[in-house]
Amino acid sequence: SISMFGYTSDPAKPLPGREIVFTPDGRKAYVA
């Protein structure tokens, strides 16, 4: 698992994960 905690302007608040896509070679993922 990968946590999305601690990246907002208010570090006590999490960010909800939305859409996810991968590069064709599978090396990187992008998550909105």
Full PDB file with SEQRES, HELIX, SHEET, SSBOND, CRYST1, ORIGX, SCALE, CONECT and MASTER records, all heavy atoms in Angstrom:
SEQRES   1 A   32  SER ILE SER MET PHE GLY TYR THR SER ASP PRO ALA LYS          
SEQRES   2 A   32  PRO LEU PRO GLY ARG GLU ILE VAL PHE THR PRO ASP GLY          
SEQRES   3 A   32  ARG LYS ALA TYR VAL ALA                                      
SHEET    1 AA1 2 ILE A  20  PHE A  22  0                                        
SHEET    2 AA1 2 ALA A  29  VAL A  31 -1                                        
CRYST1    1.000    1.000    1.000  90.00  90.00  90.00 P 1           1          
ORIGX1      1.000000  0.000000  0.000000        0.00000                         
ORIGX2      0.000000  1.000000  0.000000        0.00000                         
ORIGX3      0.000000  0.000000  1.000000        0.00000                         
SCALE1      1.000000  0.000000  0.000000        0.00000                         
SCALE2      0.000000  1.000000  0.000000        0.00000                         
SCALE3      0.000000  0.000000  1.000000        0.00000                         
ATOM      1  N   SER A   1       0.848  -1.196   0.000  1.00  0.00           N  
ATOM      2  CA  SER A   1       0.000   0.000   0.000  1.00  0.00           C  
ATOM      3  C   SER A   1       0.878   1.238   0.000  1.00  0.00           C  
ATOM      4  O   SER A   1       2.043   1.203   0.400  1.00  0.00           O  
ATOM      5  CB  SER A   1      -0.937   0.014   1.204  1.00  0.00           C  
ATOM      6  OG  SER A   1      -0.201   0.089   2.417  1.00  0.00           O  
ATOM      7  N   ILE A   2       0.288   2.353  -0.456  1.00  0.00           N  
ATOM      8  CA  ILE A   2       0.973   3.647  -0.499  1.00  0.00           C  
ATOM      9  C   ILE A   2       0.030   4.676   0.115  1.00  0.00           C  
ATOM     10  O   ILE A   2      -1.104   4.829  -0.350  1.00  0.00           O  
ATOM     11  CB  ILE A   2       1.329   4.045  -1.941  1.00  0.00           C  
ATOM     12  CG1 ILE A   2       2.191   2.967  -2.608  1.00  0.00           C  
ATOM     13  CG2 ILE A   2       2.046   5.392  -1.968  1.00  0.00           C  
ATOM     14  CD1 ILE A   2       2.363   3.158  -4.099  1.00  0.00           C  
ATOM     15  N   SER A   3       0.471   5.390   1.126  1.00  0.00           N  
ATOM     16  CA  SER A   3      -0.371   6.353   1.824  1.00  0.00           C  
ATOM     17  C   SER A   3      -0.363   7.706   1.115  1.00  0.00           C  
ATOM     18  O   SER A   3       0.656   8.125   0.562  1.00  0.00           O  
ATOM     19  CB  SER A   3       0.111   6.536   3.259  1.00  0.00           C  
ATOM     20  OG  SER A   3      -0.612   7.578   3.899  1.00  0.00           O  
ATOM     21  N   MET A   4      -1.510   8.389   1.146  1.00  0.00           N  
ATOM     22  CA  MET A   4      -1.637   9.734   0.600  1.00  0.00           C  
ATOM     23  C   MET A   4      -1.697  10.774   1.720  1.00  0.00           C  
ATOM     24  O   MET A   4      -2.113  11.904   1.504  1.00  0.00           O  
ATOM     25  CB  MET A   4      -2.891   9.834  -0.262  1.00  0.00           C  
ATOM     26  CG  MET A   4      -2.880   8.896  -1.437  1.00  0.00           C  
ATOM     27  SD  MET A   4      -4.383   9.069  -2.419  1.00  0.00           S  
ATOM     28  CE  MET A   4      -4.134   7.770  -3.617  1.00  0.00           C  
ATOM     29  N   PHE A   5      -1.280  10.416   2.895  1.00  0.00           N  
ATOM     30  CA  PHE A   5      -1.367  11.298   4.051  1.00  0.00           C  
ATOM     31  C   PHE A   5      -0.180  12.255   4.078  1.00  0.00           C  
ATOM     32  O   PHE A   5       0.946  11.888   3.780  1.00  0.00           O  
ATOM     33  CB  PHE A   5      -1.386  10.474   5.333  1.00  0.00           C  
ATOM     34  CG  PHE A   5      -1.751  11.270   6.553  1.00  0.00           C  
ATOM     35  CD1 PHE A   5      -3.071  11.600   6.804  1.00  0.00           C  
ATOM     36  CD2 PHE A   5      -0.786  11.686   7.444  1.00  0.00           C  
ATOM     37  CE1 PHE A   5      -3.416  12.329   7.926  1.00  0.00           C  
ATOM     38  CE2 PHE A   5      -1.127  12.422   8.571  1.00  0.00           C  
ATOM     39  CZ  PHE A   5      -2.449  12.741   8.811  1.00  0.00           C  
ATOM     40  N   GLY A   6      -0.453  13.530   4.443  1.00  0.00           N  
ATOM     41  CA  GLY A   6       0.618  14.493   4.681  1.00  0.00           C  
ATOM     42  C   GLY A   6       1.012  15.343   3.499  1.00  0.00           C  
ATOM     43  O   GLY A   6       2.051  16.003   3.546  1.00  0.00           O  
ATOM     44  N   TYR A   7       0.190  15.394   2.456  1.00  0.00           N  
ATOM     45  CA  TYR A   7       0.562  16.157   1.269  1.00  0.00           C  
ATOM     46  C   TYR A   7      -0.281  17.409   1.058  1.00  0.00           C  
ATOM     47  O   TYR A   7      -0.036  18.161   0.122  1.00  0.00           O  
ATOM     48  CB  TYR A   7       0.448  15.267   0.026  1.00  0.00           C  
ATOM     49  CG  TYR A   7       1.492  14.177  -0.017  1.00  0.00           C  
ATOM     50  CD1 TYR A   7       1.231  12.921   0.509  1.00  0.00           C  
ATOM     51  CD2 TYR A   7       2.748  14.398  -0.571  1.00  0.00           C  
ATOM     52  CE1 TYR A   7       2.176  11.917   0.482  1.00  0.00           C  
ATOM     53  CE2 TYR A   7       3.706  13.397  -0.612  1.00  0.00           C  
ATOM     54  CZ  TYR A   7       3.412  12.154  -0.080  1.00  0.00           C  
ATOM     55  OH  TYR A   7       4.350  11.158  -0.112  1.00  0.00           O  
ATOM     56  N   THR A   8      -1.281  17.666   1.899  1.00  0.00           N  
ATOM     57  CA  THR A   8      -2.114  18.852   1.742  1.00  0.00           C  
ATOM     58  C   THR A   8      -1.502  20.030   2.490  1.00  0.00           C  
ATOM     59  O   THR A   8      -0.546  19.881   3.251  1.00  0.00           O  
ATOM     60  CB  THR A   8      -3.533  18.596   2.267  1.00  0.00           C  
ATOM     61  OG1 THR A   8      -3.474  18.384   3.687  1.00  0.00           O  
ATOM     62  CG2 THR A   8      -4.151  17.387   1.604  1.00  0.00           C  
ATOM     63  N   SER A   9      -2.104  21.203   2.262  1.00  0.00           N  
ATOM     64  CA  SER A   9      -1.656  22.382   3.002  1.00  0.00           C  
ATOM     65  C   SER A   9      -1.900  22.206   4.495  1.00  0.00           C  
ATOM     66  O   SER A   9      -1.206  22.797   5.317  1.00  0.00           O  
ATOM     67  CB  SER A   9      -2.386  23.623   2.487  1.00  0.00           C  
ATOM     68  OG  SER A   9      -3.791  23.423   2.519  1.00  0.00           O  
ATOM     69  N   ASP A  10      -2.907  21.415   4.844  1.00  0.00           N  
ATOM     70  CA  ASP A  10      -3.139  21.029   6.233  1.00  0.00           C  
ATOM     71  C   ASP A  10      -2.661  19.591   6.380  1.00  0.00           C  
ATOM     72  O   ASP A  10      -3.336  18.658   5.961  1.00  0.00           O  
ATOM     73  CB  ASP A  10      -4.627  21.123   6.573  1.00  0.00           C  
ATOM     74  CG  ASP A  10      -4.917  20.715   8.017  1.00  0.00           C  
ATOM     75  OD1 ASP A  10      -3.979  20.278   8.713  1.00  0.00           O  
ATOM     76  OD2 ASP A  10      -6.082  20.838   8.433  1.00  0.00           O  
ATOM     77  N   PRO A  11      -1.471  19.379   6.936  1.00  0.00           N  
ATOM     78  CA  PRO A  11      -0.890  18.028   6.955  1.00  0.00           C  
ATOM     79  C   PRO A  11      -1.722  17.022   7.742  1.00  0.00           C  
ATOM     80  O   PRO A  11      -1.495  15.822   7.622  1.00  0.00           O  
ATOM     81  CB  PRO A  11       0.483  18.248   7.609  1.00  0.00           C  
ATOM     82  CG  PRO A  11       0.368  19.529   8.353  1.00  0.00           C  
ATOM     83  CD  PRO A  11      -0.598  20.370   7.587  1.00  0.00           C  
ATOM     84  N   ALA A  12      -2.678  17.500   8.544  1.00  0.00           N  
ATOM     85  CA  ALA A  12      -3.531  16.577   9.288  1.00  0.00           C  
ATOM     86  C   ALA A  12      -4.641  15.992   8.426  1.00  0.00           C  
ATOM     87  O   ALA A  12      -5.338  15.088   8.848  1.00  0.00           O  
ATOM     88  CB  ALA A  12      -4.137  17.279  10.500  1.00  0.00           C  
ATOM     89  N   LYS A  13      -4.824  16.541   7.229  1.00  0.00           N  
ATOM     90  CA  LYS A  13      -5.888  16.083   6.354  1.00  0.00           C  
ATOM     91  C   LYS A  13      -5.325  15.203   5.235  1.00  0.00           C  
ATOM     92  O   LYS A  13      -4.302  15.536   4.644  1.00  0.00           O  
ATOM     93  CB  LYS A  13      -6.627  17.279   5.737  1.00  0.00           C  
ATOM     94  CG  LYS A  13      -7.395  18.125   6.744  1.00  0.00           C  
ATOM     95  CD  LYS A  13      -8.614  17.379   7.262  1.00  0.00           C  
ATOM     96  CE  LYS A  13      -9.453  18.276   8.159  1.00  0.00           C  
ATOM     97  NZ  LYS A  13     -10.646  17.579   8.663  1.00  0.00           N  
ATOM     98  N   PRO A  14      -6.004  14.116   4.915  1.00  0.00           N  
ATOM     99  CA  PRO A  14      -5.548  13.271   3.800  1.00  0.00           C  
ATOM    100  C   PRO A  14      -6.132  13.730   2.477  1.00  0.00           C  
ATOM    101  O   PRO A  14      -7.036  14.560   2.427  1.00  0.00           O  
ATOM    102  CB  PRO A  14      -6.116  11.902   4.179  1.00  0.00           C  
ATOM    103  CG  PRO A  14      -7.404  12.240   4.884  1.00  0.00           C  
ATOM    104  CD  PRO A  14      -7.145  13.540   5.625  1.00  0.00           C  
ATOM    105  N   LEU A  15      -5.601  13.200   1.401  1.00  0.00           N  
ATOM    106  CA  LEU A  15      -6.131  13.456   0.063  1.00  0.00           C  
ATOM    107  C   LEU A  15      -6.798  12.182  -0.459  1.00  0.00           C  
ATOM    108  O   LEU A  15      -6.188  11.113  -0.443  1.00  0.00           O  
ATOM    109  CB  LEU A  15      -5.014  13.858  -0.899  1.00  0.00           C  
ATOM    110  CG  LEU A  15      -4.550  15.308  -0.819  1.00  0.00           C  
ATOM    111  CD1 LEU A  15      -3.269  15.477  -1.623  1.00  0.00           C  
ATOM    112  CD2 LEU A  15      -5.625  16.249  -1.342  1.00  0.00           C  
ATOM    113  N   PRO A  16      -8.025  12.276  -0.923  1.00  0.00           N  
ATOM    114  CA  PRO A  16      -8.671  11.090  -1.485  1.00  0.00           C  
ATOM    115  C   PRO A  16      -8.059  10.720  -2.834  1.00  0.00           C  
ATOM    116  O   PRO A  16      -7.775  11.579  -3.663  1.00  0.00           O  
ATOM    117  CB  PRO A  16     -10.131  11.524  -1.671  1.00  0.00           C  
ATOM    118  CG  PRO A  16     -10.279  12.777  -0.864  1.00  0.00           C  
ATOM    119  CD  PRO A  16      -8.938  13.420  -0.851  1.00  0.00           C  
ATOM    120  N   GLY A  17      -7.850   9.431  -3.051  1.00  0.00           N  
ATOM    121  CA  GLY A  17      -7.349   8.955  -4.326  1.00  0.00           C  
ATOM    122  C   GLY A  17      -8.475   8.829  -5.340  1.00  0.00           C  
ATOM    123  O   GLY A  17      -9.583   8.413  -5.015  1.00  0.00           O  
ATOM    124  N   ARG A  18      -8.191   9.203  -6.571  1.00  0.00           N  
ATOM    125  CA  ARG A  18      -9.191   9.118  -7.634  1.00  0.00           C  
ATOM    126  C   ARG A  18      -8.646   8.236  -8.760  1.00  0.00           C  
ATOM    127  O   ARG A  18      -8.245   7.113  -8.531  1.00  0.00           O  
ATOM    128  CB  ARG A  18      -9.555  10.527  -8.121  1.00  0.00           C  
ATOM    129  CG  ARG A  18     -10.174  11.401  -7.016  1.00  0.00           C  
ATOM    130  CD  ARG A  18     -10.653  12.725  -7.565  1.00  0.00           C  
ATOM    131  NE  ARG A  18     -11.159  13.579  -6.503  1.00  0.00           N  
ATOM    132  CZ  ARG A  18     -12.389  13.548  -6.021  1.00  0.00           C  
ATOM    133  NH1 ARG A  18     -13.263  12.680  -6.500  1.00  0.00           N  
ATOM    134  NH2 ARG A  18     -12.767  14.369  -5.054  1.00  0.00           N  
ATOM    135  N   GLU A  19      -8.658   8.757  -9.978  1.00  0.00           N  
ATOM    136  CA  GLU A  19      -8.241   7.981 -11.148  1.00  0.00           C  
ATOM    137  C   GLU A  19      -6.769   7.586 -11.063  1.00  0.00           C  
ATOM    138  O   GLU A  19      -5.949   8.294 -10.479  1.00  0.00           O  
ATOM    139  CB  GLU A  19      -8.499   8.817 -12.402  1.00  0.00           C  
ATOM    140  CG  GLU A  19      -8.156   8.140 -13.706  1.00  0.00           C  
ATOM    141  CD  GLU A  19      -9.002   6.923 -13.976  1.00  0.00           C  
ATOM    142  OE1 GLU A  19      -8.578   5.838 -13.537  1.00  0.00           O  
ATOM    143  OE2 GLU A  19     -10.061   7.041 -14.623  1.00  0.00           O  
ATOM    144  N   ILE A  20      -6.439   6.434 -11.656  1.00  0.00           N  
ATOM    145  CA  ILE A  20      -5.063   5.943 -11.681  1.00  0.00           C  
ATOM    146  C   ILE A  20      -4.758   5.406 -13.076  1.00  0.00           C  
ATOM    147  O   ILE A  20      -5.595   4.736 -13.687  1.00  0.00           O  
ATOM    148  CB  ILE A  20      -4.851   4.858 -10.600  1.00  0.00           C  
ATOM    149  CG1 ILE A  20      -3.423   4.307 -10.645  1.00  0.00           C  
ATOM    150  CG2 ILE A  20      -5.854   3.737 -10.738  1.00  0.00           C  
ATOM    151  CD1 ILE A  20      -3.105   3.404  -9.472  1.00  0.00           C  
ATOM    152  N   VAL A  21      -3.567   5.737 -13.602  1.00  0.00           N  
ATOM    153  CA  VAL A  21      -3.132   5.235 -14.910  1.00  0.00           C  
ATOM    154  C   VAL A  21      -1.652   4.866 -14.824  1.00  0.00           C  
ATOM    155  O   VAL A  21      -0.926   5.359 -13.959  1.00  0.00           O  
ATOM    156  CB  VAL A  21      -3.345   6.264 -16.046  1.00  0.00           C  
ATOM    157  CG1 VAL A  21      -4.816   6.531 -16.282  1.00  0.00           C  
ATOM    158  CG2 VAL A  21      -2.586   7.564 -15.765  1.00  0.00           C  
ATOM    159  N   PHE A  22      -1.225   4.007 -15.755  1.00  0.00           N  
ATOM    160  CA  PHE A  22       0.169   3.569 -15.819  1.00  0.00           C  
ATOM    161  C   PHE A  22       0.780   3.977 -17.148  1.00  0.00           C  
ATOM    162  O   PHE A  22       0.094   4.035 -18.177  1.00  0.00           O  
ATOM    163  CB  PHE A  22       0.260   2.044 -15.680  1.00  0.00           C  
ATOM    164  CG  PHE A  22      -0.149   1.523 -14.342  1.00  0.00           C  
ATOM    165  CD1 PHE A  22      -1.454   1.104 -14.118  1.00  0.00           C  
ATOM    166  CD2 PHE A  22       0.752   1.444 -13.296  1.00  0.00           C  
ATOM    167  CE1 PHE A  22      -1.847   0.617 -12.880  1.00  0.00           C  
ATOM    168  CE2 PHE A  22       0.381   0.961 -12.058  1.00  0.00           C  
ATOM    169  CZ  PHE A  22      -0.928   0.551 -11.845  1.00  0.00           C  
ATOM    170  N   THR A  23       2.093   4.222 -17.139  1.00  0.00           N  
ATOM    171  CA  THR A  23       2.801   4.402 -18.401  1.00  0.00           C  
ATOM    172  C   THR A  23       2.828   3.055 -19.120  1.00  0.00           C  
ATOM    173  O   THR A  23       2.770   2.004 -18.471  1.00  0.00           O  
ATOM    174  CB  THR A  23       4.231   4.905 -18.161  1.00  0.00           C  
ATOM    175  OG1 THR A  23       4.919   4.002 -17.264  1.00  0.00           O  
ATOM    176  CG2 THR A  23       4.222   6.302 -17.553  1.00  0.00           C  
ATOM    177  N   PRO A  24       2.910   3.057 -20.451  1.00  0.00           N  
ATOM    178  CA  PRO A  24       2.876   1.786 -21.182  1.00  0.00           C  
ATOM    179  C   PRO A  24       3.962   0.799 -20.776  1.00  0.00           C  
ATOM    180  O   PRO A  24       3.746  -0.412 -20.866  1.00  0.00           O  
ATOM    181  CB  PRO A  24       3.044   2.226 -22.642  1.00  0.00           C  
ATOM    182  CG  PRO A  24       2.500   3.615 -22.674  1.00  0.00           C  
ATOM    183  CD  PRO A  24       2.882   4.222 -21.360  1.00  0.00           C  
ATOM    184  N   ASP A  25       5.129   1.296 -20.330  1.00  0.00           N  
ATOM    185  CA  ASP A  25       6.189   0.382 -19.913  1.00  0.00           C  
ATOM    186  C   ASP A  25       6.008  -0.100 -18.476  1.00  0.00           C  
ATOM    187  O   ASP A  25       6.780  -0.950 -18.009  1.00  0.00           O  
ATOM    188  CB  ASP A  25       7.571   1.022 -20.080  1.00  0.00           C  
ATOM    189  CG  ASP A  25       7.742   2.301 -19.248  1.00  0.00           C  
ATOM    190  OD1 ASP A  25       6.883   2.587 -18.384  1.00  0.00           O  
ATOM    191  OD2 ASP A  25       8.728   3.030 -19.468  1.00  0.00           O  
ATOM    192  N   GLY A  26       5.001   0.419 -17.769  1.00  0.00           N  
ATOM    193  CA  GLY A  26       4.709  -0.036 -16.424  1.00  0.00           C  
ATOM    194  C   GLY A  26       5.633   0.483 -15.352  1.00  0.00           C  
ATOM    195  O   GLY A  26       5.552   0.058 -14.188  1.00  0.00           O  
ATOM    196  N   ARG A  27       6.503   1.423 -15.695  1.00  0.00           N  
ATOM    197  CA  ARG A  27       7.464   1.906 -14.702  1.00  0.00           C  
ATOM    198  C   ARG A  27       6.870   2.957 -13.760  1.00  0.00           C  
ATOM    199  O   ARG A  27       7.281   3.056 -12.611  1.00  0.00           O  
ATOM    200  CB  ARG A  27       8.695   2.483 -15.405  1.00  0.00           C  
ATOM    201  CG  ARG A  27       9.498   1.463 -16.166  1.00  0.00           C  
ATOM    202  CD  ARG A  27      10.716   2.095 -16.823  1.00  0.00           C  
ATOM    203  NE  ARG A  27      11.497   1.102 -17.560  1.00  0.00           N  
ATOM    204  CZ  ARG A  27      12.601   1.376 -18.234  1.00  0.00           C  
ATOM    205  NH1 ARG A  27      13.063   2.634 -18.261  1.00  0.00           N  
ATOM    206  NH2 ARG A  27      13.240   0.433 -18.881  1.00  0.00           N  
ATOM    207  N   LYS A  28       5.956   3.758 -14.273  1.00  0.00           N  
ATOM    208  CA  LYS A  28       5.381   4.823 -13.457  1.00  0.00           C  
ATOM    209  C   LYS A  28       3.863   4.729 -13.434  1.00  0.00           C  
ATOM    210  O   LYS A  28       3.236   4.266 -14.388  1.00  0.00           O  
ATOM    211  CB  LYS A  28       5.791   6.200 -13.996  1.00  0.00           C  
ATOM    212  CG  LYS A  28       7.233   6.544 -13.761  1.00  0.00           C  
ATOM    213  CD  LYS A  28       7.503   8.036 -13.964  1.00  0.00           C  
ATOM    214  CE  LYS A  28       7.359   8.474 -15.394  1.00  0.00           C  
ATOM    215  NZ  LYS A  28       7.804   9.869 -15.590  1.00  0.00           N  
ATOM    216  N   ALA A  29       3.293   5.183 -12.325  1.00  0.00           N  
ATOM    217  CA  ALA A  29       1.848   5.329 -12.204  1.00  0.00           C  
ATOM    218  C   ALA A  29       1.549   6.774 -11.845  1.00  0.00           C  
ATOM    219  O   ALA A  29       2.361   7.453 -11.189  1.00  0.00           O  
ATOM    220  CB  ALA A  29       1.290   4.395 -11.129  1.00  0.00           C  
ATOM    221  N   TYR A  30       0.377   7.244 -12.280  1.00  0.00           N  
ATOM    222  CA  TYR A  30      -0.101   8.579 -11.923  1.00  0.00           C  
ATOM    223  C   TYR A  30      -1.450   8.422 -11.241  1.00  0.00           C  
ATOM    224  O   TYR A  30      -2.324   7.695 -11.727  1.00  0.00           O  
ATOM    225  CB  TYR A  30      -0.251   9.462 -13.164  1.00  0.00           C  
ATOM    226  CG  TYR A  30       1.046   9.752 -13.876  1.00  0.00           C  
ATOM    227  CD1 TYR A  30       1.504   8.909 -14.883  1.00  0.00           C  
ATOM    228  CD2 TYR A  30       1.818  10.867 -13.537  1.00  0.00           C  
ATOM    229  CE1 TYR A  30       2.695   9.178 -15.540  1.00  0.00           C  
ATOM    230  CE2 TYR A  30       3.008  11.137 -14.198  1.00  0.00           C  
ATOM    231  CZ  TYR A  30       3.444  10.288 -15.192  1.00  0.00           C  
ATOM    232  OH  TYR A  30       4.625  10.551 -15.841  1.00  0.00           O  
ATOM    233  N   VAL A  31      -1.609   9.112 -10.116  1.00  0.00           N  
ATOM    234  CA  VAL A  31      -2.857   9.044  -9.356  1.00  0.00           C  
ATOM    235  C   VAL A  31      -3.352  10.457  -9.094  1.00  0.00           C  
ATOM    236  O   VAL A  31      -2.633  11.280  -8.518  1.00  0.00           O  
ATOM    237  CB  VAL A  31      -2.677   8.294  -8.019  1.00  0.00           C  
ATOM    238  CG1 VAL A  31      -3.959   8.339  -7.202  1.00  0.00           C  
ATOM    239  CG2 VAL A  31      -2.274   6.852  -8.268  1.00  0.00           C  
ATOM    240  N   ALA A  32      -4.573  10.744  -9.539  1.00  0.00           N  
ATOM    241  CA  ALA A  32      -5.198  12.030  -9.217  1.00  0.00           C  
ATOM    242  C   ALA A  32      -5.672  11.973  -7.777  1.00  0.00           C  
ATOM    243  O   ALA A  32      -6.396  11.057  -7.382  1.00  0.00           O  
ATOM    244  CB  ALA A  32      -6.367  12.297 -10.162  1.00  0.00           C  
TER     245      ALA A  32                                                      
MASTER        0    0    0    0    2    0    0    6  244    1    0    3          
END                                                                             
